[in-house]
N, C-alpha and C. Protein backbone atom coordinates (compact mmCIF):
# COMPACT_ATOMS: atom_id res chain seq x y z
N MET A 1 0.89 -1.08 0.06
CA MET A 1 0.08 0.02 -0.06
C MET A 1 0.83 1.20 -0.03
N THR A 2 0.58 2.16 -0.94
CA THR A 2 1.29 3.27 -0.84
C THR A 2 0.79 4.40 -0.03
N VAL A 3 1.62 5.03 0.72
CA VAL A 3 1.23 6.14 1.63
C VAL A 3 1.77 7.55 1.05
N VAL A 4 0.95 8.39 0.83
CA VAL A 4 1.35 9.67 0.31
C VAL A 4 1.36 10.56 1.50
N CYS A 5 2.43 11.44 1.47
CA CYS A 5 2.62 12.38 2.45
C CYS A 5 2.64 13.78 1.79
N ASP A 6 2.16 14.69 2.43
CA ASP A 6 2.19 16.05 1.99
C ASP A 6 2.67 17.03 3.14
N TYR A 7 3.02 18.24 2.79
CA TYR A 7 3.36 19.11 3.90
C TYR A 7 2.94 20.68 3.51
N THR A 8 2.99 21.44 4.57
CA THR A 8 2.70 22.82 4.39
C THR A 8 3.59 23.67 5.10
N MET A 9 4.32 24.65 4.53
CA MET A 9 5.28 25.48 5.26
C MET A 9 4.37 26.61 5.86
N LEU A 10 4.81 27.02 7.05
CA LEU A 10 4.04 27.91 7.87
C LEU A 10 4.74 29.38 7.96
N ASN A 11 5.45 29.63 6.86
CA ASN A 11 6.32 30.73 6.89
C ASN A 11 5.76 31.94 6.03
N LYS A 12 4.83 32.77 6.52
CA LYS A 12 4.23 33.79 5.88
C LYS A 12 5.06 35.16 6.07
N GLU A 13 4.85 35.99 4.92
CA GLU A 13 5.62 37.31 5.19
C GLU A 13 4.89 38.24 6.21
N ILE A 14 5.70 38.80 7.12
CA ILE A 14 5.14 39.67 8.15
C ILE A 14 6.02 40.89 7.96
N ILE A 15 5.35 42.10 7.94
CA ILE A 15 6.06 43.41 7.62
C ILE A 15 6.23 44.00 9.09
N ASN A 16 7.52 44.17 9.51
CA ASN A 16 7.88 44.75 10.76
C ASN A 16 8.07 46.16 10.53
N LEU A 17 7.09 47.03 10.88
CA LEU A 17 6.99 48.48 10.72
C LEU A 17 8.00 49.19 11.66
N LYS A 18 8.42 48.48 12.76
CA LYS A 18 9.24 49.04 13.69
C LYS A 18 10.66 49.03 13.31
N LYS A 19 11.05 48.31 12.42
CA LYS A 19 12.43 48.19 11.85
C LYS A 19 12.55 48.62 10.40
N ILE A 20 13.03 49.86 10.10
CA ILE A 20 13.10 50.36 8.81
C ILE A 20 14.57 50.39 8.33
N ASP A 21 14.84 49.77 7.13
CA ASP A 21 16.17 49.81 6.61
C ASP A 21 16.53 51.18 6.09
N PRO A 22 17.73 51.66 6.75
CA PRO A 22 18.10 53.11 6.49
C PRO A 22 18.52 53.42 5.10
N GLU A 23 18.87 52.51 4.36
CA GLU A 23 19.29 52.68 2.90
C GLU A 23 17.99 52.63 2.03
N THR A 24 17.27 51.65 2.13
CA THR A 24 15.99 51.52 1.27
C THR A 24 14.84 52.22 1.73
N LYS A 25 14.76 52.61 3.10
CA LYS A 25 13.66 53.15 3.73
C LYS A 25 12.43 52.33 3.63
N LYS A 26 12.65 51.02 3.51
CA LYS A 26 11.49 50.06 3.55
C LYS A 26 11.54 49.32 4.89
N PRO A 27 10.26 48.95 5.31
CA PRO A 27 10.31 48.04 6.56
C PRO A 27 10.76 46.71 6.29
N GLU A 28 11.31 46.19 7.40
CA GLU A 28 11.90 44.75 7.52
C GLU A 28 10.73 43.83 7.14
N VAL A 29 11.06 42.82 6.31
CA VAL A 29 10.06 41.64 5.94
C VAL A 29 10.59 40.53 6.69
N LEU A 30 9.63 39.87 7.52
CA LEU A 30 10.16 38.59 8.18
C LEU A 30 9.26 37.43 7.45
N VAL A 31 10.01 36.32 7.29
CA VAL A 31 9.24 35.20 6.52
C VAL A 31 9.53 33.93 7.32
N GLY A 32 10.06 34.02 8.54
CA GLY A 32 10.24 32.83 9.24
C GLY A 32 11.34 31.86 8.70
N SER A 33 12.27 32.40 8.02
CA SER A 33 13.26 31.69 7.36
C SER A 33 14.65 31.82 8.06
N TRP A 34 15.71 31.17 7.69
CA TRP A 34 17.08 31.38 8.34
C TRP A 34 17.33 32.69 8.38
N LYS A 35 17.28 33.49 7.32
CA LYS A 35 17.68 34.92 7.40
C LYS A 35 16.66 35.80 8.15
N HIS A 36 15.46 35.43 8.28
CA HIS A 36 14.64 36.30 8.99
C HIS A 36 13.61 35.46 9.95
N PRO A 37 14.10 34.98 10.88
CA PRO A 37 13.23 34.30 11.89
C PRO A 37 12.16 35.05 12.68
N TYR A 38 11.12 34.46 13.10
CA TYR A 38 10.22 35.04 13.91
C TYR A 38 10.69 35.38 15.34
N ARG A 39 10.55 36.44 15.95
CA ARG A 39 10.95 36.83 17.33
C ARG A 39 9.69 36.84 18.09
N ILE A 40 9.74 35.97 19.25
CA ILE A 40 8.54 35.86 20.07
C ILE A 40 9.11 36.27 21.45
N GLY A 41 8.19 37.24 22.11
CA GLY A 41 8.59 37.73 23.41
C GLY A 41 8.05 39.11 23.64
N GLU A 42 8.97 39.89 23.85
CA GLU A 42 8.46 41.43 24.11
C GLU A 42 8.53 42.23 22.97
N VAL A 43 7.49 42.83 22.66
CA VAL A 43 7.45 43.70 21.38
C VAL A 43 8.46 44.91 21.68
N ALA A 44 8.38 45.52 22.81
CA ALA A 44 9.30 46.50 23.16
C ALA A 44 10.69 46.25 23.01
N GLU A 45 11.03 44.92 23.14
CA GLU A 45 12.47 44.58 23.03
C GLU A 45 12.84 44.22 21.53
N GLY A 46 11.90 44.29 20.48
CA GLY A 46 12.11 43.98 19.32
C GLY A 46 11.50 42.83 18.75
N ALA A 47 10.64 42.08 19.55
CA ALA A 47 9.97 40.98 19.12
C ALA A 47 8.84 41.21 18.04
N THR A 48 8.49 40.38 17.32
CA THR A 48 7.60 40.62 16.17
C THR A 48 6.17 40.55 16.50
N PHE A 49 5.87 39.88 17.61
CA PHE A 49 4.46 39.53 17.92
C PHE A 49 4.14 40.13 19.34
N GLU A 50 2.79 40.68 19.37
CA GLU A 50 2.33 41.00 20.63
C GLU A 50 1.37 39.91 20.96
N GLY A 51 1.66 39.22 22.07
CA GLY A 51 0.98 38.07 22.57
C GLY A 51 1.72 36.83 22.02
N PRO A 52 1.06 35.70 22.12
CA PRO A 52 1.70 34.44 21.51
C PRO A 52 1.71 34.56 19.95
N PHE A 53 2.57 33.70 19.38
CA PHE A 53 2.72 33.58 18.01
C PHE A 53 1.59 32.74 17.56
N LYS A 54 0.80 33.21 16.52
CA LYS A 54 -0.32 32.45 15.94
C LYS A 54 -0.12 32.51 14.52
N GLN A 55 -0.18 31.31 13.87
CA GLN A 55 -0.16 31.25 12.43
C GLN A 55 -1.12 30.24 11.84
N THR A 56 -1.97 30.58 10.86
CA THR A 56 -2.78 29.63 10.33
C THR A 56 -2.22 28.99 9.13
N PHE A 57 -2.76 27.65 8.99
CA PHE A 57 -2.16 26.90 7.84
C PHE A 57 -3.27 25.79 7.54
N ASN A 58 -3.21 25.22 6.28
CA ASN A 58 -4.14 24.33 5.77
C ASN A 58 -3.51 22.98 5.62
N THR A 59 -4.31 22.01 5.90
CA THR A 59 -3.96 20.67 5.61
C THR A 59 -5.00 19.79 4.67
N LYS A 60 -5.35 20.64 3.71
CA LYS A 60 -6.41 20.14 2.76
C LYS A 60 -6.11 18.68 2.22
N ALA A 61 -7.11 17.81 2.10
CA ALA A 61 -6.98 16.54 1.59
C ALA A 61 -6.23 15.64 2.58
N MET A 62 -6.09 15.98 3.79
CA MET A 62 -5.49 15.21 4.83
C MET A 62 -6.37 14.05 5.18
N GLU A 63 -5.58 12.96 5.36
CA GLU A 63 -6.35 11.76 5.81
C GLU A 63 -6.39 11.55 7.34
N HIS A 64 -7.26 10.89 7.78
CA HIS A 64 -7.44 10.65 9.18
C HIS A 64 -6.16 9.99 9.79
N ALA A 65 -5.12 10.75 10.31
CA ALA A 65 -4.04 10.20 10.88
C ALA A 65 -3.24 11.26 11.64
N PRO A 66 -2.22 10.93 12.39
CA PRO A 66 -1.41 11.78 13.07
C PRO A 66 -0.47 12.61 12.09
N ALA A 67 -0.03 13.81 12.51
CA ALA A 67 0.83 14.64 11.65
C ALA A 67 2.12 14.95 12.39
N LEU A 68 3.01 15.60 11.78
CA LEU A 68 4.18 15.97 12.53
C LEU A 68 4.57 17.47 12.24
N LEU A 69 4.77 18.10 13.22
CA LEU A 69 5.26 19.50 13.25
C LEU A 69 6.61 19.72 13.52
N SER A 70 7.54 20.32 12.70
CA SER A 70 8.80 20.53 12.75
C SER A 70 9.17 21.99 12.70
N LEU A 71 10.07 22.39 13.50
CA LEU A 71 10.55 23.81 13.54
C LEU A 71 11.92 23.91 14.02
N MET A 72 12.61 25.10 13.82
CA MET A 72 13.90 25.37 14.52
C MET A 72 13.68 26.51 15.48
N VAL A 73 14.37 26.43 16.53
CA VAL A 73 14.20 27.35 17.67
C VAL A 73 15.61 27.59 18.39
N ARG A 74 15.72 28.80 18.92
CA ARG A 74 16.91 29.24 19.53
C ARG A 74 16.49 30.28 20.58
N GLY A 75 17.37 30.50 21.54
CA GLY A 75 17.20 31.66 22.39
C GLY A 75 16.37 31.40 23.71
N ILE A 76 15.86 30.29 23.87
CA ILE A 76 15.03 30.15 25.12
C ILE A 76 16.12 29.87 26.26
N ARG A 77 16.28 30.78 27.18
CA ARG A 77 17.41 30.76 28.12
C ARG A 77 17.06 29.78 29.19
N THR A 78 18.17 29.39 29.90
CA THR A 78 18.18 28.46 31.08
C THR A 78 18.63 29.11 32.29
N ASP A 79 19.10 30.41 32.26
CA ASP A 79 19.66 31.11 33.36
C ASP A 79 18.64 31.87 34.21
N HIS A 80 17.39 31.66 33.97
CA HIS A 80 16.48 32.18 34.95
C HIS A 80 16.45 31.62 36.39
N PRO A 81 16.22 32.48 37.46
CA PRO A 81 16.26 32.08 38.72
C PRO A 81 15.26 30.84 38.94
N GLN A 82 14.15 30.71 38.25
CA GLN A 82 13.18 29.53 38.44
C GLN A 82 13.86 28.32 37.81
N ASN A 83 14.95 28.27 37.03
CA ASN A 83 15.50 27.15 36.47
C ASN A 83 16.72 26.72 37.34
N LYS A 84 17.11 27.33 38.53
CA LYS A 84 18.27 26.98 39.22
C LYS A 84 18.29 25.61 39.86
N ASP A 85 16.94 25.18 40.26
CA ASP A 85 16.74 23.86 40.74
C ASP A 85 16.78 22.67 39.78
N HIS A 86 16.71 23.06 38.43
CA HIS A 86 16.68 22.08 37.37
C HIS A 86 15.44 21.12 37.47
N ARG A 87 14.46 21.67 38.20
CA ARG A 87 13.16 20.82 38.29
C ARG A 87 12.32 20.89 37.04
N PRO A 88 11.87 19.84 36.39
CA PRO A 88 11.03 19.81 35.26
C PRO A 88 9.82 20.96 35.39
N ASP A 89 9.25 21.07 36.47
CA ASP A 89 8.16 22.01 36.64
C ASP A 89 8.60 23.53 36.61
N HIS A 90 9.98 23.53 36.72
CA HIS A 90 10.60 25.04 36.68
C HIS A 90 11.16 25.34 35.42
N ASP A 91 11.40 24.35 34.46
CA ASP A 91 11.90 24.70 33.01
C ASP A 91 10.61 24.79 32.26
N LYS A 92 9.93 25.85 32.30
CA LYS A 92 8.69 26.09 31.59
C LYS A 92 8.76 26.14 30.15
N GLY A 93 9.64 26.91 29.60
CA GLY A 93 9.76 26.95 28.09
C GLY A 93 8.49 27.52 27.56
N ALA A 94 8.18 27.28 26.24
CA ALA A 94 7.10 27.97 25.48
C ALA A 94 6.11 26.83 25.21
N ARG A 95 4.91 26.95 25.27
CA ARG A 95 3.77 26.09 25.02
C ARG A 95 3.57 26.06 23.53
N VAL A 96 3.37 24.88 22.95
CA VAL A 96 2.98 24.74 21.52
C VAL A 96 1.64 24.03 21.42
N ALA A 97 0.74 24.65 20.77
CA ALA A 97 -0.57 24.19 20.69
C ALA A 97 -1.12 24.31 19.28
N ILE A 98 -2.27 23.52 19.07
CA ILE A 98 -3.13 23.48 17.86
C ILE A 98 -4.51 24.00 18.11
N SER A 99 -5.06 24.76 17.29
CA SER A 99 -6.44 25.15 17.35
C SER A 99 -7.10 24.96 16.01
N SER A 100 -8.25 24.31 15.92
CA SER A 100 -8.94 24.09 14.55
C SER A 100 -10.39 24.06 14.89
N ARG A 101 -11.21 23.78 13.76
CA ARG A 101 -12.64 23.65 13.77
C ARG A 101 -12.84 22.37 14.49
N VAL A 102 -12.02 21.26 14.31
CA VAL A 102 -12.16 20.11 14.96
C VAL A 102 -12.11 20.14 16.53
N THR A 103 -11.34 20.98 17.03
CA THR A 103 -11.10 21.18 18.46
C THR A 103 -12.01 22.23 19.08
N GLN A 104 -13.03 22.62 18.06
CA GLN A 104 -13.98 23.72 18.47
C GLN A 104 -13.18 24.99 18.84
N HIS A 105 -12.10 25.24 18.14
CA HIS A 105 -11.20 26.41 18.19
C HIS A 105 -10.69 26.51 19.56
N LYS A 106 -10.61 25.51 20.43
CA LYS A 106 -9.90 25.41 21.66
C LYS A 106 -8.49 25.09 21.37
N GLU A 107 -7.45 25.73 22.12
CA GLU A 107 -6.10 25.48 22.02
C GLU A 107 -5.74 24.08 22.60
N ILE A 108 -5.28 23.08 21.97
CA ILE A 108 -4.87 21.88 22.50
C ILE A 108 -3.35 21.81 22.61
N THR A 109 -2.72 21.78 23.72
CA THR A 109 -1.31 21.62 23.80
C THR A 109 -0.79 20.34 23.15
N ILE A 110 0.35 20.46 22.30
CA ILE A 110 0.97 19.29 21.81
C ILE A 110 2.37 19.05 22.33
N GLY A 111 2.95 20.10 23.06
CA GLY A 111 4.18 19.96 23.63
C GLY A 111 4.77 21.40 24.06
N ARG A 112 6.05 21.32 24.46
CA ARG A 112 6.64 22.54 24.90
C ARG A 112 8.12 22.62 24.18
N LEU A 113 8.46 23.94 23.86
CA LEU A 113 9.81 24.27 23.52
C LEU A 113 10.60 24.57 24.78
N LEU A 114 11.54 23.65 25.04
CA LEU A 114 12.27 23.69 26.29
C LEU A 114 13.49 24.71 26.24
N PRO A 115 13.91 25.24 27.43
CA PRO A 115 15.10 25.90 27.40
C PRO A 115 16.32 25.14 26.85
N ALA A 116 17.34 25.87 26.26
CA ALA A 116 18.47 25.29 25.83
C ALA A 116 19.69 25.95 26.36
N PRO A 117 20.83 25.31 26.54
CA PRO A 117 22.02 26.22 27.20
C PRO A 117 22.85 26.96 26.37
N ASP A 118 22.54 27.03 25.11
CA ASP A 118 23.38 27.96 24.29
C ASP A 118 22.48 28.73 23.19
N GLU A 119 23.11 29.35 22.38
CA GLU A 119 22.37 30.13 21.22
C GLU A 119 22.43 29.50 19.92
N ARG A 120 22.58 28.23 19.96
CA ARG A 120 22.71 27.45 18.64
C ARG A 120 21.19 27.09 18.30
N TRP A 121 20.82 27.18 16.92
CA TRP A 121 19.54 26.54 16.51
C TRP A 121 19.43 25.09 16.70
N ARG A 122 18.24 24.70 17.13
CA ARG A 122 18.06 23.24 17.37
C ARG A 122 16.63 22.90 16.73
N GLN A 123 16.49 21.76 16.23
CA GLN A 123 15.23 21.30 15.53
C GLN A 123 14.41 20.71 16.75
N GLU A 124 13.03 21.20 16.70
CA GLU A 124 12.05 20.54 17.60
C GLU A 124 11.02 19.87 16.79
N GLN A 125 10.46 18.80 17.19
CA GLN A 125 9.45 18.05 16.56
C GLN A 125 8.34 17.72 17.40
N PHE A 126 7.14 17.69 16.91
CA PHE A 126 5.98 17.48 17.82
C PHE A 126 5.01 16.53 16.94
N GLN A 127 4.50 15.40 17.54
CA GLN A 127 3.47 14.64 16.94
C GLN A 127 2.29 15.44 17.26
N ILE A 128 1.42 15.68 16.03
CA ILE A 128 0.08 16.19 16.33
C ILE A 128 -0.90 14.99 16.18
N PRO A 129 -1.61 14.59 17.27
CA PRO A 129 -2.43 13.46 17.49
C PRO A 129 -3.50 13.51 16.25
N THR A 130 -4.13 12.42 15.93
CA THR A 130 -5.26 12.41 15.04
C THR A 130 -6.40 13.12 15.67
N ASN A 131 -7.25 13.72 14.99
CA ASN A 131 -8.34 14.47 15.36
C ASN A 131 -8.17 15.87 15.95
N LEU A 132 -6.86 16.44 15.60
CA LEU A 132 -6.77 17.77 16.07
C LEU A 132 -6.75 18.69 14.82
N LEU A 133 -6.30 18.26 13.63
CA LEU A 133 -6.35 19.06 12.48
C LEU A 133 -7.60 18.85 11.66
N SER A 134 -7.91 19.87 10.94
CA SER A 134 -9.09 19.97 10.18
C SER A 134 -8.54 19.67 8.67
N SER A 135 -9.29 18.80 7.83
CA SER A 135 -8.88 18.47 6.57
C SER A 135 -9.54 19.47 5.57
N ASP A 136 -10.43 20.33 6.03
CA ASP A 136 -11.00 21.22 5.12
C ASP A 136 -11.17 22.86 5.57
N ASP A 137 -10.86 22.97 6.71
CA ASP A 137 -10.72 24.39 7.26
C ASP A 137 -9.43 24.74 7.70
N ALA A 138 -9.15 25.96 7.92
CA ALA A 138 -7.89 26.39 8.48
C ALA A 138 -7.64 25.90 9.86
N ASN A 139 -6.31 25.44 10.20
CA ASN A 139 -5.87 25.17 11.61
C ASN A 139 -4.98 26.36 12.07
N THR A 140 -4.76 26.49 13.19
CA THR A 140 -3.83 27.55 13.76
C THR A 140 -2.72 26.90 14.71
N LEU A 141 -1.58 27.30 14.45
CA LEU A 141 -0.48 26.84 15.28
C LEU A 141 -0.37 28.06 16.40
N VAL A 142 -0.15 27.74 17.73
CA VAL A 142 0.12 28.65 18.74
C VAL A 142 1.34 28.39 19.33
N ILE A 143 2.25 29.38 19.44
CA ILE A 143 3.50 29.24 20.15
C ILE A 143 3.53 30.28 21.26
N GLY A 144 3.46 29.90 22.52
CA GLY A 144 3.31 30.95 23.57
C GLY A 144 4.62 31.59 23.92
N ARG A 145 4.61 32.45 24.85
CA ARG A 145 5.81 33.25 25.12
C ARG A 145 6.22 32.48 26.46
N VAL A 146 7.57 32.92 26.72
CA VAL A 146 8.32 32.42 27.87
C VAL A 146 8.12 33.43 28.99
N ASP A 147 7.48 33.04 30.12
CA ASP A 147 7.39 34.03 31.26
C ASP A 147 8.73 34.13 31.98
N LEU A 148 9.05 35.28 32.33
CA LEU A 148 10.27 35.64 33.12
C LEU A 148 9.88 35.66 34.55
N PRO A 149 10.83 35.31 35.46
CA PRO A 149 10.63 35.15 36.78
C PRO A 149 9.84 36.38 37.46
N GLY A 150 9.01 36.04 38.47
CA GLY A 150 8.44 37.14 39.16
C GLY A 150 7.02 37.39 38.61
N GLY A 151 6.53 36.69 37.56
CA GLY A 151 5.34 36.86 37.00
C GLY A 151 5.22 38.15 36.20
N GLY A 152 4.07 38.69 36.26
CA GLY A 152 3.79 40.06 35.57
C GLY A 152 3.58 39.85 34.11
N VAL A 153 4.09 40.79 33.38
CA VAL A 153 3.96 40.76 31.82
C VAL A 153 5.27 40.67 31.20
N ALA A 154 6.35 40.50 31.77
CA ALA A 154 7.57 40.29 31.27
C ALA A 154 7.87 38.89 30.66
N HIS A 155 8.28 38.78 29.37
CA HIS A 155 8.55 37.66 28.67
C HIS A 155 9.99 37.54 28.07
N ASP A 156 10.61 36.37 28.28
CA ASP A 156 11.88 36.12 27.51
C ASP A 156 11.66 36.09 25.97
N GLU A 157 12.68 36.61 25.24
CA GLU A 157 12.55 36.66 23.78
C GLU A 157 13.35 35.42 23.26
N PHE A 158 12.75 34.71 22.23
CA PHE A 158 13.36 33.74 21.51
C PHE A 158 12.90 33.80 20.12
N GLU A 159 13.34 32.86 19.21
CA GLU A 159 13.12 32.81 17.85
C GLU A 159 12.90 31.41 17.36
N VAL A 160 12.01 31.44 16.36
CA VAL A 160 11.60 30.23 15.54
C VAL A 160 11.66 30.48 14.10
N ARG A 161 11.85 29.48 13.30
CA ARG A 161 12.01 29.47 11.89
C ARG A 161 11.62 28.15 11.32
N ASP A 162 11.47 28.19 9.94
CA ASP A 162 11.47 26.82 9.16
C ASP A 162 10.37 26.00 9.72
N ILE A 163 9.25 26.53 9.95
CA ILE A 163 7.97 25.75 10.51
C ILE A 163 7.33 25.01 9.35
N VAL A 164 7.21 23.51 9.55
CA VAL A 164 6.61 22.70 8.50
C VAL A 164 5.71 21.76 9.17
N CYS A 165 4.51 21.61 8.64
CA CYS A 165 3.63 20.44 9.25
C CYS A 165 3.54 19.42 8.09
N PHE A 166 3.86 18.28 8.44
CA PHE A 166 3.78 17.01 7.53
C PHE A 166 2.57 16.09 7.82
N PHE A 167 1.83 15.93 6.83
CA PHE A 167 0.66 15.04 7.15
C PHE A 167 0.41 14.11 5.96
N LYS A 168 -0.36 12.97 6.34
CA LYS A 168 -0.68 11.89 5.54
C LYS A 168 -1.89 12.46 4.55
N GLN A 169 -1.59 12.40 3.21
CA GLN A 169 -2.53 12.82 2.31
C GLN A 169 -3.57 11.66 1.91
N SER A 170 -4.77 12.13 1.60
CA SER A 170 -5.76 11.25 1.15
C SER A 170 -5.42 10.71 -0.24
N ALA A 171 -5.39 9.50 -0.54
CA ALA A 171 -4.88 8.95 -1.81
C ALA A 171 -6.21 9.03 -2.76
N GLY A 172 -7.26 9.33 -2.43
CA GLY A 172 -8.47 9.30 -3.25
C GLY A 172 -8.91 10.76 -3.56
């Protein structure tokens, strides 16, 4: 039996009006690529998003099966005071969730982007369970922010890029 796989890239262009190129006088364009990763965290500190990162994507003609989400991440720090004990409940990281018509637009957590000890890019992969993605309506990927110690509204800044969702395609 042949299994057909399809994928969708979640890298749309975002215009960053807060950063203007001095030579061209044009705003920075972010596409979630190696050259222009998405910055998640504090808008005042240069992040691209106010609130969690949310990106819609389609999985049209998807067959009823699990899917795979792959992305590159860097910059989630481990030197916060809440991480000094190295307890799993203290290493919060950033929540990764899916919302769709199938989930009645509720955000269902599929995993967490955990802190890393250095500034290198690393690949993260998450299995998206069956019955979370819609085969005929848009889905939404949600990547939360990383809370800084002490609560409040402060968030650590980190970057993601090269976001891809792989799914089983209907053969018929």
